[in-house]
């Protein structure tokens, strides 16, 4: 019984920490973002559709499924594109897209500071 409590606590902490903290590299994501995305999204903005920035409130308002899964919604947007945004399916690897999504989510949660 002595090991049950620490194990349960470890599982609780594992699931409480965002998935991106374990699997994805926000530094690498930032580098990829600066190479592929910054022309349209510098500082989390949007030069094509100014009201649809990468700020948290705009992601919540305009990005499909963002409220039910931040990383998944961003990954889908980067992978398949939508509206004026091109798809990066054939440009970036799955890991690169995941890293970019983690970077965007991290920046959005910190106000793109």
Protein backbone atom coordinates (compact mmCIF):
# COMPACT_ATOMS: atom_id res chain seq x y z
CA UNK A 1 0.00 0.00 0.00
CA UNK A 2 2.94 2.28 0.62
CA UNK A 3 3.72 2.50 -3.12
CA UNK A 4 0.10 3.10 -4.18
CA UNK A 5 -0.08 6.71 -3.03
CA UNK A 6 3.15 7.87 -4.72
CA UNK A 7 2.20 6.00 -7.90
CA UNK A 8 -1.24 7.59 -7.94
CA UNK A 9 0.32 11.00 -7.34
CA UNK A 10 2.78 10.43 -10.18
CA UNK A 11 -0.06 9.50 -12.54
CA UNK A 12 -2.06 12.52 -11.47
CA UNK A 13 0.89 14.82 -12.14
CA UNK A 14 1.57 13.13 -15.48
CA UNK A 15 -1.94 13.78 -16.73
CA UNK A 16 -2.15 17.25 -15.18
CA UNK A 17 0.88 18.53 -17.11
CA UNK A 18 0.14 19.51 -20.73
CA UNK A 19 1.03 16.87 -23.30
CA UNK A 20 3.32 19.29 -25.13
CA UNK A 21 5.54 19.62 -22.07
CA UNK A 22 6.56 15.97 -22.50
CA UNK A 23 6.70 15.40 -26.22
CA UNK A 24 7.37 18.56 -28.15
CA UNK A 25 10.20 21.04 -28.45
CA UNK A 26 8.98 24.65 -28.33
CA UNK A 27 12.47 26.02 -29.05
CA UNK A 28 12.69 23.98 -32.25
CA UNK A 29 9.07 24.90 -32.96
CA UNK A 30 10.01 28.58 -32.68
CA UNK A 31 12.84 28.11 -35.16
CA UNK A 32 10.55 26.35 -37.62
CA UNK A 33 7.88 29.03 -37.08
CA UNK A 34 10.43 31.77 -37.81
CA UNK A 35 11.41 30.03 -41.03
CA UNK A 36 7.95 29.11 -42.33
CA UNK A 37 5.26 31.17 -40.58
CA UNK A 38 6.61 34.53 -39.46
CA UNK A 39 5.99 36.24 -42.81
CA UNK A 40 2.25 36.10 -42.09
CA UNK A 41 2.23 35.63 -38.31
CA UNK A 42 4.99 37.86 -36.87
CA UNK A 43 4.43 38.42 -33.18
CA UNK A 44 1.33 36.23 -33.30
CA UNK A 45 -0.42 38.54 -35.74
CA UNK A 46 -1.98 37.81 -39.11
CA UNK A 47 -1.18 39.99 -42.12
CA UNK A 48 -3.85 38.36 -44.30
CA UNK A 49 -6.83 38.43 -41.91
CA UNK A 50 -5.99 40.87 -39.13
CA UNK A 51 -8.79 39.73 -36.84
CA UNK A 52 -7.60 36.11 -36.86
CA UNK A 53 -4.37 36.34 -34.93
CA UNK A 54 -2.58 33.62 -33.01
CA UNK A 55 -3.51 35.21 -29.70
CA UNK A 56 -5.41 32.94 -27.33
CA UNK A 57 -8.75 34.80 -27.58
CA UNK A 58 -8.67 34.67 -31.38
CA UNK A 59 -7.66 31.00 -31.43
CA UNK A 60 -10.60 30.28 -29.13
CA UNK A 61 -12.96 32.31 -31.34
CA UNK A 62 -11.85 31.24 -34.81
CA UNK A 63 -9.89 27.96 -34.74
CA UNK A 64 -12.18 24.92 -35.04
CA UNK A 65 -12.00 22.55 -32.07
CA UNK A 66 -9.49 24.73 -30.18
CA UNK A 67 -11.57 24.62 -27.01
CA UNK A 68 -11.63 20.81 -26.98
CA UNK A 69 -7.97 20.25 -27.82
CA UNK A 70 -5.51 23.10 -28.26
CA UNK A 71 -2.59 21.13 -29.68
CA UNK A 72 -4.77 18.98 -31.92
CA UNK A 73 -6.56 22.02 -33.36
CA UNK A 74 -3.31 23.84 -34.09
CA UNK A 75 -1.75 20.71 -35.61
CA UNK A 76 -4.75 20.31 -37.93
CA UNK A 77 -4.56 23.96 -39.01
CA UNK A 78 -0.84 23.77 -39.78
CA UNK A 79 -1.10 20.36 -41.44
CA UNK A 80 -4.09 20.96 -43.70
CA UNK A 81 -4.35 24.75 -43.85
CA UNK A 82 -7.68 26.51 -44.25
CA UNK A 83 -8.95 29.59 -45.96
CA UNK A 84 -5.91 31.71 -46.92
CA UNK A 85 -3.46 29.58 -44.92
CA UNK A 86 -1.58 26.97 -46.96
CA UNK A 87 -1.18 23.38 -45.85
CA UNK A 88 2.22 22.34 -44.54
CA UNK A 89 1.55 18.60 -44.88
CA UNK A 90 4.15 18.21 -47.63
CA UNK A 91 6.52 20.88 -46.27
CA UNK A 92 7.06 19.93 -42.63
CA UNK A 93 7.37 16.54 -40.96
CA UNK A 94 4.82 15.41 -38.37
CA UNK A 95 7.33 16.13 -35.58
CA UNK A 96 8.04 19.61 -36.96
CA UNK A 97 4.32 20.38 -37.11
CA UNK A 98 3.90 19.16 -33.52
CA UNK A 99 6.79 21.38 -32.44
CA UNK A 100 5.29 24.41 -34.21
CA UNK A 101 1.91 23.71 -32.60
CA UNK A 102 3.54 23.49 -29.17
CA UNK A 103 5.36 26.77 -29.82
CA UNK A 104 2.18 28.55 -30.97
CA UNK A 105 0.25 27.27 -27.95
CA UNK A 106 3.05 28.31 -25.60
CA UNK A 107 3.28 31.78 -27.11
CA UNK A 108 -0.52 32.21 -27.13
CA UNK A 109 -0.73 31.26 -23.47
CA UNK A 110 1.93 33.88 -22.66
CA UNK A 111 0.47 36.67 -24.84
CA UNK A 112 3.16 36.43 -27.53
CA UNK A 113 5.63 38.31 -25.34
